[in-house]
Amino acid sequence: MGKLVVSLDGVVIKEVQITKDKTTLGRRPYNDIVIDNLAVSGEHAVLQMVGADVFIEDLNSTNGTYINGKAVKKQLLAQNDVIEIGKYKIKYLSEDSADYEKTMILRPSAAPSSGFGLPSGFGGLPPAASNSLPAAIKVLNGPAAGREVSLTKVVTTVGKPGVQVASITKRPSGYVFAHVEGASRPLVNGTPLTGESVALKNGDLIELAGTQMQFVQA
């Protein structure tokens, strides 16, 4: 959850609270956020809430959707991200003051040398916040079987883009697992995820994009 601050040439035009599961953005008047400019497509992009996380997805717009100067198709928004559509700039501000870090994708198809598809330097991330016990996911099958990945980021995205992706979010009360994309839903302890998200417990088994993992918490 959070809000969007829309500006043009440095002048704030409007502020929009994100309160719906899906918030549409485009030139047509039926959008939740209407930007009447020819550089903006009729149905340009959609913002989707998954739990407390907000994703933006470009709807095959003519001129594209950019975040911090980089073209994106679908991306989790982080605090102070700037969405650029035409000449308009839209700053995302999360509801709480947590500094949401960039997520990472764990790719089972990655080269064996990179383990489970982790970027270099993953082990050098700051320790988990003291208000949440340290946790990790342990890979149970495939070439990376036995590897443990510490959940030190506020949001860690796991899965295979375009196939099945889920997020694990660290909250003061614990860790929450949510479905992000994919026709089929991930399994938790052998049962497909039915709601928006589920709280994870020590020992929970997750199956996602053909990879089996176990949630481990100290």
N, C-alpha and C. Protein backbone atom coordinates (compact mmCIF):
# COMPACT_ATOMS: atom_id res chain seq x y z
N MET A 1 0.84 -1.18 0.00
CA MET A 1 0.00 0.00 0.00
C MET A 1 0.88 1.25 0.00
N GLY A 2 0.25 2.38 -0.33
CA GLY A 2 1.02 3.61 -0.36
C GLY A 2 0.31 4.63 -1.21
N LYS A 3 1.07 5.57 -1.74
CA LYS A 3 0.45 6.59 -2.59
C LYS A 3 1.38 6.94 -3.74
N LEU A 4 0.79 7.56 -4.77
CA LEU A 4 1.52 8.01 -5.95
C LEU A 4 1.43 9.52 -6.02
N VAL A 5 2.57 10.16 -6.28
CA VAL A 5 2.62 11.61 -6.44
C VAL A 5 2.95 11.90 -7.90
N VAL A 6 1.97 12.45 -8.63
CA VAL A 6 2.11 12.69 -10.06
C VAL A 6 2.59 14.12 -10.30
N SER A 7 3.66 14.27 -11.08
CA SER A 7 4.18 15.61 -11.35
C SER A 7 4.53 15.76 -12.83
N LEU A 8 4.53 17.01 -13.28
CA LEU A 8 4.91 17.35 -14.65
C LEU A 8 5.82 18.56 -14.59
N ASP A 9 7.02 18.42 -15.15
CA ASP A 9 8.02 19.50 -15.13
C ASP A 9 8.28 20.00 -13.71
N GLY A 10 8.30 19.05 -12.77
CA GLY A 10 8.63 19.38 -11.38
C GLY A 10 7.48 19.92 -10.56
N VAL A 11 6.29 20.06 -11.19
CA VAL A 11 5.12 20.57 -10.47
C VAL A 11 4.18 19.42 -10.15
N VAL A 12 3.84 19.24 -8.86
CA VAL A 12 2.94 18.16 -8.45
C VAL A 12 1.53 18.46 -8.94
N ILE A 13 0.95 17.51 -9.67
CA ILE A 13 -0.40 17.68 -10.23
C ILE A 13 -1.44 17.03 -9.32
N LYS A 14 -1.14 15.84 -8.85
CA LYS A 14 -2.10 15.14 -8.00
C LYS A 14 -1.40 14.10 -7.15
N GLU A 15 -2.07 13.70 -6.07
CA GLU A 15 -1.61 12.59 -5.23
C GLU A 15 -2.74 11.57 -5.18
N VAL A 16 -2.38 10.30 -5.36
CA VAL A 16 -3.39 9.25 -5.42
C VAL A 16 -3.04 8.16 -4.41
N GLN A 17 -3.96 7.87 -3.49
CA GLN A 17 -3.78 6.78 -2.55
C GLN A 17 -4.07 5.45 -3.26
N ILE A 18 -3.24 4.45 -3.02
CA ILE A 18 -3.47 3.13 -3.61
C ILE A 18 -4.30 2.32 -2.61
N THR A 19 -5.57 2.14 -2.93
CA THR A 19 -6.48 1.46 -2.00
C THR A 19 -7.11 0.21 -2.62
N LYS A 20 -7.02 0.07 -3.94
CA LYS A 20 -7.67 -1.06 -4.62
C LYS A 20 -6.65 -2.14 -4.97
N ASP A 21 -7.15 -3.37 -5.18
CA ASP A 21 -6.26 -4.46 -5.59
C ASP A 21 -5.61 -4.14 -6.94
N LYS A 22 -6.39 -3.50 -7.83
CA LYS A 22 -5.86 -3.11 -9.14
C LYS A 22 -6.20 -1.65 -9.39
N THR A 23 -5.19 -0.86 -9.74
CA THR A 23 -5.37 0.55 -10.06
C THR A 23 -4.85 0.77 -11.46
N THR A 24 -5.73 1.19 -12.38
CA THR A 24 -5.34 1.36 -13.77
C THR A 24 -4.89 2.79 -14.04
N LEU A 25 -3.99 2.92 -15.01
CA LEU A 25 -3.41 4.21 -15.36
C LEU A 25 -3.40 4.35 -16.87
N GLY A 26 -3.92 5.46 -17.38
CA GLY A 26 -3.93 5.65 -18.83
C GLY A 26 -4.63 6.92 -19.24
N ARG A 27 -4.77 7.12 -20.56
CA ARG A 27 -5.36 8.35 -21.09
C ARG A 27 -6.89 8.32 -21.08
N ARG A 28 -7.49 7.12 -21.18
CA ARG A 28 -8.94 7.01 -21.23
C ARG A 28 -9.58 7.43 -19.91
N PRO A 29 -10.76 8.05 -19.95
CA PRO A 29 -11.38 8.60 -18.74
C PRO A 29 -11.82 7.56 -17.72
N TYR A 30 -11.93 6.29 -18.14
CA TYR A 30 -12.39 5.26 -17.19
C TYR A 30 -11.25 4.72 -16.31
N ASN A 31 -10.01 5.16 -16.54
CA ASN A 31 -8.89 4.71 -15.70
C ASN A 31 -9.00 5.32 -14.30
N ASP A 32 -8.40 4.63 -13.33
CA ASP A 32 -8.37 5.16 -11.97
C ASP A 32 -7.49 6.40 -11.90
N ILE A 33 -6.37 6.37 -12.64
CA ILE A 33 -5.49 7.54 -12.74
C ILE A 33 -5.46 7.95 -14.21
N VAL A 34 -6.06 9.10 -14.51
CA VAL A 34 -6.16 9.55 -15.90
C VAL A 34 -5.08 10.59 -16.17
N ILE A 35 -4.26 10.32 -17.20
CA ILE A 35 -3.25 11.29 -17.65
C ILE A 35 -3.57 11.61 -19.11
N ASP A 36 -4.15 12.77 -19.34
CA ASP A 36 -4.62 13.16 -20.66
C ASP A 36 -3.48 13.74 -21.48
N ASN A 37 -2.70 12.82 -22.05
CA ASN A 37 -1.55 13.24 -22.85
C ASN A 37 -1.35 12.21 -23.95
N LEU A 38 -1.03 12.65 -25.16
CA LEU A 38 -0.91 11.73 -26.30
C LEU A 38 0.24 10.73 -26.13
N ALA A 39 1.19 11.04 -25.26
CA ALA A 39 2.30 10.11 -25.03
C ALA A 39 1.86 8.93 -24.16
N VAL A 40 0.68 9.06 -23.56
CA VAL A 40 0.16 8.02 -22.68
C VAL A 40 -0.88 7.20 -23.43
N SER A 41 -0.76 5.87 -23.39
CA SER A 41 -1.72 5.00 -24.07
C SER A 41 -3.07 5.02 -23.34
N GLY A 42 -4.13 4.63 -24.06
CA GLY A 42 -5.46 4.60 -23.47
C GLY A 42 -5.50 3.76 -22.21
N GLU A 43 -4.90 2.58 -22.26
CA GLU A 43 -4.72 1.71 -21.09
C GLU A 43 -3.21 1.45 -21.00
N HIS A 44 -2.53 2.25 -20.22
CA HIS A 44 -1.07 2.27 -20.25
C HIS A 44 -0.43 1.25 -19.31
N ALA A 45 -0.89 1.26 -18.04
CA ALA A 45 -0.27 0.39 -17.04
C ALA A 45 -1.27 0.09 -15.94
N VAL A 46 -0.97 -0.92 -15.13
CA VAL A 46 -1.83 -1.25 -14.00
C VAL A 46 -0.95 -1.48 -12.78
N LEU A 47 -1.41 -0.99 -11.64
CA LEU A 47 -0.72 -1.25 -10.37
C LEU A 47 -1.53 -2.28 -9.62
N GLN A 48 -0.85 -3.30 -9.12
CA GLN A 48 -1.54 -4.41 -8.46
C GLN A 48 -0.97 -4.60 -7.06
N MET A 49 -1.87 -4.69 -6.08
CA MET A 49 -1.44 -4.95 -4.70
C MET A 49 -1.43 -6.45 -4.45
N VAL A 50 -0.32 -6.93 -3.92
CA VAL A 50 -0.21 -8.33 -3.47
C VAL A 50 0.17 -8.26 -2.00
N GLY A 51 -0.83 -8.43 -1.14
CA GLY A 51 -0.58 -8.19 0.27
C GLY A 51 -0.32 -6.70 0.46
N ALA A 52 0.83 -6.36 1.03
CA ALA A 52 1.18 -4.95 1.21
C ALA A 52 2.15 -4.48 0.12
N ASP A 53 2.45 -5.35 -0.84
CA ASP A 53 3.38 -5.01 -1.91
C ASP A 53 2.61 -4.49 -3.12
N VAL A 54 3.24 -3.57 -3.87
CA VAL A 54 2.60 -3.00 -5.05
C VAL A 54 3.49 -3.26 -6.26
N PHE A 55 2.92 -3.89 -7.28
CA PHE A 55 3.62 -4.15 -8.53
C PHE A 55 3.03 -3.25 -9.61
N ILE A 56 3.85 -2.83 -10.56
CA ILE A 56 3.35 -2.11 -11.73
C ILE A 56 3.63 -2.95 -12.96
N GLU A 57 2.66 -3.01 -13.86
CA GLU A 57 2.80 -3.79 -15.08
C GLU A 57 2.42 -2.94 -16.28
N ASP A 58 3.30 -2.87 -17.27
CA ASP A 58 3.01 -2.14 -18.50
C ASP A 58 2.04 -2.96 -19.35
N LEU A 59 1.01 -2.32 -19.88
CA LEU A 59 -0.01 -3.03 -20.66
C LEU A 59 0.25 -2.89 -22.16
N ASN A 60 1.47 -3.25 -22.55
CA ASN A 60 1.88 -3.17 -23.96
C ASN A 60 1.62 -1.77 -24.53
N SER A 61 1.99 -0.76 -23.73
CA SER A 61 1.78 0.62 -24.15
C SER A 61 2.69 0.98 -25.32
N THR A 62 2.29 2.04 -26.04
CA THR A 62 3.06 2.46 -27.22
C THR A 62 4.44 2.98 -26.84
N ASN A 63 4.51 3.81 -25.82
CA ASN A 63 5.77 4.46 -25.45
C ASN A 63 6.46 3.84 -24.24
N GLY A 64 5.85 2.82 -23.65
CA GLY A 64 6.52 2.10 -22.57
C GLY A 64 6.37 2.76 -21.20
N THR A 65 6.71 1.98 -20.18
CA THR A 65 6.70 2.43 -18.79
C THR A 65 8.11 2.31 -18.25
N TYR A 66 8.59 3.37 -17.62
CA TYR A 66 9.96 3.39 -17.12
C TYR A 66 9.96 3.59 -15.61
N ILE A 67 10.88 2.93 -14.93
CA ILE A 67 11.09 3.14 -13.50
C ILE A 67 12.55 3.54 -13.31
N ASN A 68 12.74 4.72 -12.75
CA ASN A 68 14.08 5.27 -12.54
C ASN A 68 14.91 5.23 -13.82
N GLY A 69 14.25 5.55 -14.95
CA GLY A 69 14.94 5.63 -16.23
C GLY A 69 15.10 4.33 -16.98
N LYS A 70 14.58 3.24 -16.44
CA LYS A 70 14.76 1.93 -17.06
C LYS A 70 13.40 1.35 -17.46
N ALA A 71 13.28 0.91 -18.73
CA ALA A 71 12.03 0.35 -19.21
C ALA A 71 11.71 -0.95 -18.46
N VAL A 72 10.46 -1.12 -18.06
CA VAL A 72 10.06 -2.32 -17.34
C VAL A 72 8.78 -2.88 -17.94
N LYS A 73 8.59 -4.19 -17.77
CA LYS A 73 7.33 -4.85 -18.13
C LYS A 73 6.50 -5.05 -16.87
N LYS A 74 7.13 -5.62 -15.84
CA LYS A 74 6.45 -5.78 -14.55
C LYS A 74 7.50 -5.72 -13.46
N GLN A 75 7.23 -4.94 -12.44
CA GLN A 75 8.24 -4.78 -11.39
C GLN A 75 7.58 -4.40 -10.06
N LEU A 76 8.18 -4.90 -8.99
CA LEU A 76 7.76 -4.50 -7.65
C LEU A 76 8.24 -3.08 -7.39
N LEU A 77 7.36 -2.24 -6.88
CA LEU A 77 7.74 -0.86 -6.59
C LEU A 77 8.40 -0.77 -5.22
N ALA A 78 9.46 0.01 -5.16
CA ALA A 78 10.16 0.26 -3.90
C ALA A 78 9.97 1.72 -3.52
N GLN A 79 10.19 2.00 -2.23
CA GLN A 79 10.03 3.36 -1.72
C GLN A 79 10.83 4.35 -2.57
N ASN A 80 10.19 5.45 -2.98
CA ASN A 80 10.79 6.55 -3.76
C ASN A 80 11.09 6.19 -5.21
N ASP A 81 10.61 5.04 -5.70
CA ASP A 81 10.75 4.75 -7.12
C ASP A 81 10.01 5.82 -7.92
N VAL A 82 10.58 6.19 -9.07
CA VAL A 82 9.94 7.18 -9.93
C VAL A 82 9.50 6.49 -11.23
N ILE A 83 8.19 6.45 -11.43
CA ILE A 83 7.62 5.89 -12.66
C ILE A 83 7.57 7.02 -13.69
N GLU A 84 8.07 6.74 -14.90
CA GLU A 84 8.08 7.76 -15.94
C GLU A 84 7.20 7.30 -17.11
N ILE A 85 6.18 8.09 -17.40
CA ILE A 85 5.28 7.82 -18.52
C ILE A 85 5.18 9.11 -19.32
N GLY A 86 5.76 9.11 -20.52
CA GLY A 86 5.83 10.34 -21.29
C GLY A 86 6.65 11.36 -20.52
N LYS A 87 6.13 12.58 -20.39
CA LYS A 87 6.83 13.62 -19.63
C LYS A 87 6.43 13.63 -18.16
N TYR A 88 5.54 12.72 -17.79
CA TYR A 88 5.04 12.69 -16.42
C TYR A 88 5.92 11.82 -15.54
N LYS A 89 6.09 12.26 -14.31
CA LYS A 89 6.84 11.47 -13.33
C LYS A 89 5.93 11.18 -12.15
N ILE A 90 5.90 9.92 -11.73
CA ILE A 90 5.02 9.49 -10.65
C ILE A 90 5.88 8.82 -9.58
N LYS A 91 5.99 9.47 -8.42
CA LYS A 91 6.80 8.91 -7.33
C LYS A 91 5.95 8.01 -6.45
N TYR A 92 6.50 6.83 -6.13
CA TYR A 92 5.80 5.88 -5.26
C TYR A 92 6.31 6.03 -3.84
N LEU A 93 5.39 6.22 -2.90
CA LEU A 93 5.72 6.31 -1.49
C LEU A 93 4.95 5.24 -0.74
N SER A 94 5.67 4.32 -0.08
CA SER A 94 4.99 3.25 0.65
C SER A 94 4.38 3.80 1.92
N GLU A 95 3.41 3.07 2.45
CA GLU A 95 2.66 3.56 3.61
C GLU A 95 3.53 3.62 4.85
N ASP A 96 4.40 2.63 5.01
CA ASP A 96 5.29 2.65 6.17
C ASP A 96 6.64 3.19 5.76
N SER A 97 7.53 3.34 6.70
CA SER A 97 8.82 3.96 6.43
C SER A 97 9.90 2.95 6.08
N ALA A 98 9.52 1.67 5.95
CA ALA A 98 10.52 0.65 5.64
C ALA A 98 11.14 0.94 4.28
N ASP A 99 12.42 0.78 4.20
CA ASP A 99 13.12 1.02 2.94
C ASP A 99 13.13 -0.27 2.14
N TYR A 100 12.16 -0.43 1.28
CA TYR A 100 12.04 -1.67 0.51
C TYR A 100 13.20 -1.78 -0.47
N GLU A 101 13.92 -2.88 -0.37
CA GLU A 101 15.06 -3.09 -1.25
C GLU A 101 14.60 -3.74 -2.55
N LYS A 102 15.46 -3.68 -3.55
CA LYS A 102 15.15 -4.33 -4.81
C LYS A 102 15.06 -5.84 -4.57
N THR A 103 14.17 -6.49 -5.31
CA THR A 103 14.02 -7.92 -5.13
C THR A 103 14.99 -8.67 -6.03
N MET A 104 15.03 -9.95 -5.85
CA MET A 104 15.88 -10.77 -6.69
C MET A 104 15.06 -11.96 -7.18
N ILE A 105 15.44 -12.46 -8.34
CA ILE A 105 14.77 -13.62 -8.90
C ILE A 105 15.69 -14.82 -8.76
N LEU A 106 15.16 -15.89 -8.21
CA LEU A 106 15.93 -17.13 -8.11
C LEU A 106 15.59 -17.97 -9.32
N ARG A 107 16.54 -18.20 -10.17
CA ARG A 107 16.27 -18.91 -11.42
C ARG A 107 16.84 -20.33 -11.36
N PRO A 108 15.97 -21.35 -11.30
CA PRO A 108 16.46 -22.74 -11.27
C PRO A 108 17.30 -23.08 -12.48
N SER A 109 17.09 -22.37 -13.61
CA SER A 109 17.82 -22.70 -14.84
C SER A 109 19.17 -22.01 -14.92
N ALA A 110 19.56 -21.29 -13.87
CA ALA A 110 20.83 -20.57 -13.90
C ALA A 110 22.00 -21.55 -13.95
N ALA A 111 23.15 -21.05 -14.40
CA ALA A 111 24.35 -21.89 -14.49
C ALA A 111 24.71 -22.40 -13.10
N PRO A 112 25.20 -23.66 -13.00
CA PRO A 112 25.55 -24.22 -11.69
C PRO A 112 26.50 -23.35 -10.90
N SER A 113 27.38 -22.60 -11.60
CA SER A 113 28.37 -21.79 -10.89
C SER A 113 27.74 -20.69 -10.08
N SER A 114 26.50 -20.31 -10.45
CA SER A 114 25.85 -19.24 -9.70
C SER A 114 24.83 -19.79 -8.71
N GLY A 115 24.98 -21.09 -8.40
CA GLY A 115 24.11 -21.69 -7.40
C GLY A 115 22.67 -21.69 -7.88
N PHE A 116 21.80 -21.07 -7.11
CA PHE A 116 20.37 -21.06 -7.42
C PHE A 116 19.99 -19.77 -8.12
N GLY A 117 20.93 -19.22 -8.88
CA GLY A 117 20.63 -18.01 -9.63
C GLY A 117 20.78 -16.75 -8.80
N LEU A 118 21.58 -16.81 -7.72
CA LEU A 118 21.73 -15.62 -6.88
C LEU A 118 22.76 -14.69 -7.47
N PRO A 119 22.51 -13.38 -7.40
CA PRO A 119 23.51 -12.44 -7.88
C PRO A 119 24.76 -12.47 -7.01
N SER A 120 25.88 -12.10 -7.58
CA SER A 120 27.11 -12.09 -6.79
C SER A 120 26.98 -11.09 -5.66
N GLY A 121 27.59 -11.40 -4.54
CA GLY A 121 27.53 -10.50 -3.40
C GLY A 121 26.31 -10.69 -2.54
N PHE A 122 25.50 -11.70 -2.83
CA PHE A 122 24.26 -11.92 -2.08
C PHE A 122 24.55 -12.11 -0.60
N GLY A 123 25.68 -12.79 -0.31
CA GLY A 123 25.99 -13.08 1.09
C GLY A 123 26.40 -11.86 1.88
N GLY A 124 26.63 -10.72 1.21
CA GLY A 124 27.09 -9.54 1.92
C GLY A 124 25.98 -8.60 2.33
N LEU A 125 24.73 -9.05 2.25
CA LEU A 125 23.62 -8.18 2.61
C LEU A 125 23.55 -7.98 4.11
N PRO A 126 22.94 -6.88 4.56
CA PRO A 126 22.86 -6.61 6.00
C PRO A 126 22.03 -7.66 6.72
N PRO A 127 22.27 -7.88 8.01
CA PRO A 127 21.53 -8.89 8.75
C PRO A 127 20.05 -8.53 8.86
N ALA A 128 19.24 -9.56 9.15
CA ALA A 128 17.80 -9.34 9.29
C ALA A 128 17.51 -8.42 10.46
N ALA A 129 16.40 -7.73 10.37
CA ALA A 129 16.01 -6.82 11.43
C ALA A 129 15.77 -7.60 12.73
N SER A 130 16.07 -6.95 13.84
CA SER A 130 15.98 -7.64 15.13
C SER A 130 14.55 -8.00 15.51
N ASN A 131 13.54 -7.33 14.88
CA ASN A 131 12.17 -7.62 15.25
C ASN A 131 11.60 -8.81 14.48
N SER A 132 12.44 -9.50 13.71
CA SER A 132 12.00 -10.69 13.00
C SER A 132 13.13 -11.71 13.03
N LEU A 133 12.82 -12.91 13.52
CA LEU A 133 13.86 -13.93 13.64
C LEU A 133 14.45 -14.23 12.27
N PRO A 134 15.77 -14.50 12.22
CA PRO A 134 16.40 -14.81 10.94
C PRO A 134 15.75 -16.04 10.30
N ALA A 135 15.65 -16.01 8.98
CA ALA A 135 15.03 -17.12 8.27
C ALA A 135 15.75 -17.34 6.95
N ALA A 136 15.48 -18.49 6.33
CA ALA A 136 16.10 -18.83 5.06
C ALA A 136 15.19 -19.80 4.33
N ILE A 137 15.43 -19.96 3.04
CA ILE A 137 14.79 -21.03 2.30
C ILE A 137 15.89 -22.00 1.85
N LYS A 138 15.59 -23.27 2.03
CA LYS A 138 16.55 -24.32 1.68
C LYS A 138 16.04 -25.04 0.44
N VAL A 139 16.88 -25.10 -0.59
CA VAL A 139 16.51 -25.76 -1.84
C VAL A 139 16.64 -27.27 -1.67
N LEU A 140 15.57 -27.99 -2.05
CA LEU A 140 15.54 -29.44 -1.81
C LEU A 140 15.81 -30.28 -3.05
N ASN A 141 15.66 -29.69 -4.25
CA ASN A 141 15.89 -30.51 -5.45
C ASN A 141 16.64 -29.70 -6.50
N GLY A 142 17.01 -30.38 -7.59
CA GLY A 142 17.71 -29.71 -8.68
C GLY A 142 19.19 -29.53 -8.39
N PRO A 143 19.91 -28.84 -9.29
CA PRO A 143 21.36 -28.67 -9.15
C PRO A 143 21.77 -27.89 -7.91
N ALA A 144 20.86 -27.08 -7.35
CA ALA A 144 21.20 -26.28 -6.17
C ALA A 144 20.71 -26.91 -4.87
N ALA A 145 20.33 -28.19 -4.92
CA ALA A 145 19.81 -28.87 -3.73
C ALA A 145 20.78 -28.74 -2.56
N GLY A 146 20.26 -28.41 -1.40
CA GLY A 146 21.07 -28.28 -0.20
C GLY A 146 21.48 -26.85 0.09
N ARG A 147 21.34 -25.97 -0.89
CA ARG A 147 21.74 -24.57 -0.70
C ARG A 147 20.70 -23.84 0.14
N GLU A 148 21.17 -23.02 1.07
CA GLU A 148 20.27 -22.20 1.88
C GLU A 148 20.43 -20.74 1.48
N VAL A 149 19.33 -20.06 1.30
CA VAL A 149 19.33 -18.65 0.92
C VAL A 149 18.74 -17.85 2.07
N SER A 150 19.53 -16.99 2.69
CA SER A 150 19.05 -16.19 3.81
C SER A 150 18.08 -15.13 3.32
N LEU A 151 16.98 -14.96 4.05
CA LEU A 151 15.97 -13.97 3.69
C LEU A 151 16.26 -12.67 4.43
N THR A 152 17.24 -11.93 3.94
CA THR A 152 17.67 -10.71 4.62
C THR A 152 17.02 -9.46 4.05
N LYS A 153 16.44 -9.55 2.86
CA LYS A 153 15.77 -8.38 2.27
C LYS A 153 14.35 -8.26 2.81
N VAL A 154 13.77 -7.08 2.68
CA VAL A 154 12.37 -6.90 3.07
C VAL A 154 11.49 -7.77 2.18
N VAL A 155 11.79 -7.77 0.89
CA VAL A 155 11.03 -8.60 -0.05
C VAL A 155 12.01 -9.41 -0.89
N THR A 156 11.82 -10.73 -0.94
CA THR A 156 12.62 -11.60 -1.79
C THR A 156 11.66 -12.26 -2.78
N THR A 157 11.91 -12.10 -4.07
CA THR A 157 11.07 -12.71 -5.08
C THR A 157 11.73 -13.99 -5.57
N VAL A 158 10.97 -15.08 -5.60
CA VAL A 158 11.51 -16.37 -6.00
C VAL A 158 10.67 -16.94 -7.14
N GLY A 159 11.33 -17.78 -7.96
CA GLY A 159 10.61 -18.42 -9.04
C GLY A 159 11.26 -18.19 -10.39
N LYS A 160 10.48 -18.41 -11.42
CA LYS A 160 10.97 -18.28 -12.79
C LYS A 160 10.08 -17.30 -13.53
N PRO A 161 10.61 -16.11 -13.91
CA PRO A 161 9.78 -15.10 -14.59
C PRO A 161 9.09 -15.67 -15.82
N GLY A 162 7.80 -15.32 -15.96
CA GLY A 162 7.03 -15.79 -17.09
C GLY A 162 6.41 -17.15 -16.88
N VAL A 163 6.83 -17.85 -15.82
CA VAL A 163 6.29 -19.19 -15.53
C VAL A 163 5.54 -19.15 -14.20
N GLN A 164 6.25 -18.89 -13.14
CA GLN A 164 5.64 -18.84 -11.81
C GLN A 164 6.56 -18.06 -10.88
N VAL A 165 6.03 -17.01 -10.27
CA VAL A 165 6.81 -16.16 -9.38
C VAL A 165 6.02 -15.92 -8.10
N ALA A 166 6.72 -15.93 -6.96
CA ALA A 166 6.10 -15.63 -5.67
C ALA A 166 7.03 -14.72 -4.89
N SER A 167 6.50 -14.12 -3.83
CA SER A 167 7.32 -13.24 -3.00
C SER A 167 7.27 -13.69 -1.54
N ILE A 168 8.38 -13.49 -0.84
CA ILE A 168 8.44 -13.72 0.60
C ILE A 168 8.77 -12.37 1.22
N THR A 169 7.84 -11.85 2.02
CA THR A 169 7.99 -10.52 2.61
C THR A 169 8.25 -10.63 4.11
N LYS A 170 9.26 -9.91 4.57
CA LYS A 170 9.60 -9.91 6.00
C LYS A 170 8.81 -8.81 6.69
N ARG A 171 8.05 -9.19 7.69
CA ARG A 171 7.26 -8.23 8.46
C ARG A 171 7.60 -8.37 9.94
N PRO A 172 7.26 -7.37 10.77
CA PRO A 172 7.53 -7.47 12.21
C PRO A 172 6.93 -8.72 12.83
N SER A 173 5.80 -9.18 12.27
CA SER A 173 5.13 -10.35 12.83
C SER A 173 5.66 -11.67 12.28
N GLY A 174 6.50 -11.62 11.26
CA GLY A 174 7.02 -12.84 10.66
C GLY A 174 7.13 -12.71 9.15
N TYR A 175 7.14 -13.86 8.46
CA TYR A 175 7.34 -13.88 7.01
C TYR A 175 6.04 -14.30 6.32
N VAL A 176 5.74 -13.61 5.21
CA VAL A 176 4.50 -13.85 4.46
C VAL A 176 4.84 -14.24 3.04
N PHE A 177 4.18 -15.31 2.56
CA PHE A 177 4.41 -15.85 1.22
C PHE A 177 3.22 -15.49 0.34
N ALA A 178 3.46 -14.94 -0.86
CA ALA A 178 2.35 -14.51 -1.73
C ALA A 178 2.64 -14.88 -3.18
N HIS A 179 1.57 -15.20 -3.91
CA HIS A 179 1.65 -15.49 -5.34
C HIS A 179 1.75 -14.17 -6.10
N VAL A 180 2.67 -14.08 -7.07
CA VAL A 180 2.85 -12.86 -7.85
C VAL A 180 2.37 -13.04 -9.29
N GLU A 181 2.87 -14.07 -9.96
CA GLU A 181 2.44 -14.29 -11.34
C GLU A 181 2.56 -15.76 -11.70
N GLY A 182 1.84 -16.13 -12.76
CA GLY A 182 1.82 -17.51 -13.21
C GLY A 182 0.41 -18.08 -13.18
N ALA A 183 0.07 -18.91 -14.19
CA ALA A 183 -1.27 -19.46 -14.28
C ALA A 183 -1.58 -20.39 -13.11
N SER A 184 -0.58 -21.18 -12.71
CA SER A 184 -0.79 -22.09 -11.58
C SER A 184 -0.22 -21.47 -10.31
N ARG A 185 -0.85 -21.77 -9.19
CA ARG A 185 -0.43 -21.21 -7.91
C ARG A 185 0.61 -22.10 -7.25
N PRO A 186 1.55 -21.51 -6.51
CA PRO A 186 2.55 -22.31 -5.81
C PRO A 186 1.91 -23.17 -4.73
N LEU A 187 2.62 -24.22 -4.34
CA LEU A 187 2.12 -25.12 -3.30
C LEU A 187 2.82 -24.81 -1.98
N VAL A 188 2.05 -24.83 -0.90
CA VAL A 188 2.61 -24.72 0.45
C VAL A 188 2.14 -25.96 1.20
N ASN A 189 3.11 -26.80 1.58
CA ASN A 189 2.80 -28.08 2.23
C ASN A 189 1.85 -28.92 1.38
N GLY A 190 2.08 -28.89 0.05
CA GLY A 190 1.31 -29.73 -0.87
C GLY A 190 -0.03 -29.17 -1.28
N THR A 191 -0.42 -28.01 -0.74
CA THR A 191 -1.72 -27.41 -1.04
C THR A 191 -1.54 -26.11 -1.81
N PRO A 192 -2.25 -25.94 -2.94
CA PRO A 192 -2.13 -24.69 -3.69
C PRO A 192 -2.54 -23.49 -2.84
N LEU A 193 -1.80 -22.39 -2.99
CA LEU A 193 -2.11 -21.17 -2.26
C LEU A 193 -3.44 -20.63 -2.79
N THR A 194 -4.43 -20.49 -1.90
CA THR A 194 -5.76 -20.08 -2.34
C THR A 194 -6.02 -18.59 -2.12
N GLY A 195 -5.55 -18.05 -1.01
CA GLY A 195 -5.76 -16.63 -0.73
C GLY A 195 -4.67 -15.77 -1.32
N GLU A 196 -4.67 -14.50 -0.92
CA GLU A 196 -3.65 -13.57 -1.39
C GLU A 196 -2.27 -13.95 -0.89
N SER A 197 -2.21 -14.34 0.39
CA SER A 197 -0.91 -14.66 0.98
C SER A 197 -1.12 -15.58 2.17
N VAL A 198 -0.01 -16.14 2.67
CA VAL A 198 -0.07 -17.02 3.83
C VAL A 198 1.17 -16.78 4.69
N ALA A 199 0.99 -16.84 6.00
CA ALA A 199 2.12 -16.70 6.91
C ALA A 199 2.93 -17.99 6.90
N LEU A 200 4.24 -17.87 6.84
CA LEU A 200 5.10 -19.05 6.81
C LEU A 200 5.51 -19.46 8.22
N LYS A 201 5.59 -20.78 8.42
CA LYS A 201 6.04 -21.34 9.69
C LYS A 201 7.29 -22.16 9.44
N ASN A 202 8.11 -22.31 10.45
CA ASN A 202 9.34 -23.09 10.35
C ASN A 202 9.02 -24.50 9.85
N GLY A 203 9.70 -24.91 8.79
CA GLY A 203 9.51 -26.24 8.25
C GLY A 203 8.53 -26.33 7.10
N ASP A 204 7.83 -25.24 6.76
CA ASP A 204 6.87 -25.26 5.66
C ASP A 204 7.58 -25.62 4.35
N LEU A 205 6.91 -26.44 3.54
CA LEU A 205 7.46 -26.86 2.25
C LEU A 205 6.79 -26.06 1.13
N ILE A 206 7.60 -25.49 0.26
CA ILE A 206 7.11 -24.67 -0.85
C ILE A 206 7.52 -25.33 -2.16
N GLU A 207 6.59 -25.39 -3.12
CA GLU A 207 6.93 -25.88 -4.45
C GLU A 207 6.57 -24.80 -5.45
N LEU A 208 7.55 -24.37 -6.24
CA LEU A 208 7.38 -23.22 -7.12
C LEU A 208 8.20 -23.41 -8.37
N ALA A 209 7.54 -23.36 -9.53
CA ALA A 209 8.22 -23.46 -10.83
C ALA A 209 9.12 -24.70 -10.90
N GLY A 210 8.63 -25.80 -10.32
CA GLY A 210 9.37 -27.06 -10.38
C GLY A 210 10.46 -27.20 -9.33
N THR A 211 10.62 -26.18 -8.49
CA THR A 211 11.65 -26.22 -7.45
C THR A 211 10.98 -26.39 -6.09
N GLN A 212 11.50 -27.34 -5.31
CA GLN A 212 10.99 -27.57 -3.96
C GLN A 212 11.92 -26.90 -2.95
N MET A 213 11.31 -26.16 -2.02
CA MET A 213 12.09 -25.43 -1.02
C MET A 213 11.46 -25.63 0.35
N GLN A 214 12.26 -25.42 1.38
CA GLN A 214 11.74 -25.48 2.75
C GLN A 214 12.06 -24.17 3.46
N PHE A 215 11.05 -23.61 4.13
CA PHE A 215 11.22 -22.40 4.89
C PHE A 215 11.79 -22.79 6.26
N VAL A 216 12.91 -22.20 6.62
CA VAL A 216 13.58 -22.52 7.88
C VAL A 216 13.76 -21.24 8.67
N GLN A 217 13.29 -21.24 9.92
CA GLN A 217 13.43 -20.05 10.76
C GLN A 217 14.01 -20.44 12.11
N ALA A 218 14.97 -19.63 12.58
CA ALA A 218 15.65 -19.94 13.83
C ALA A 218 14.69 -19.85 15.00
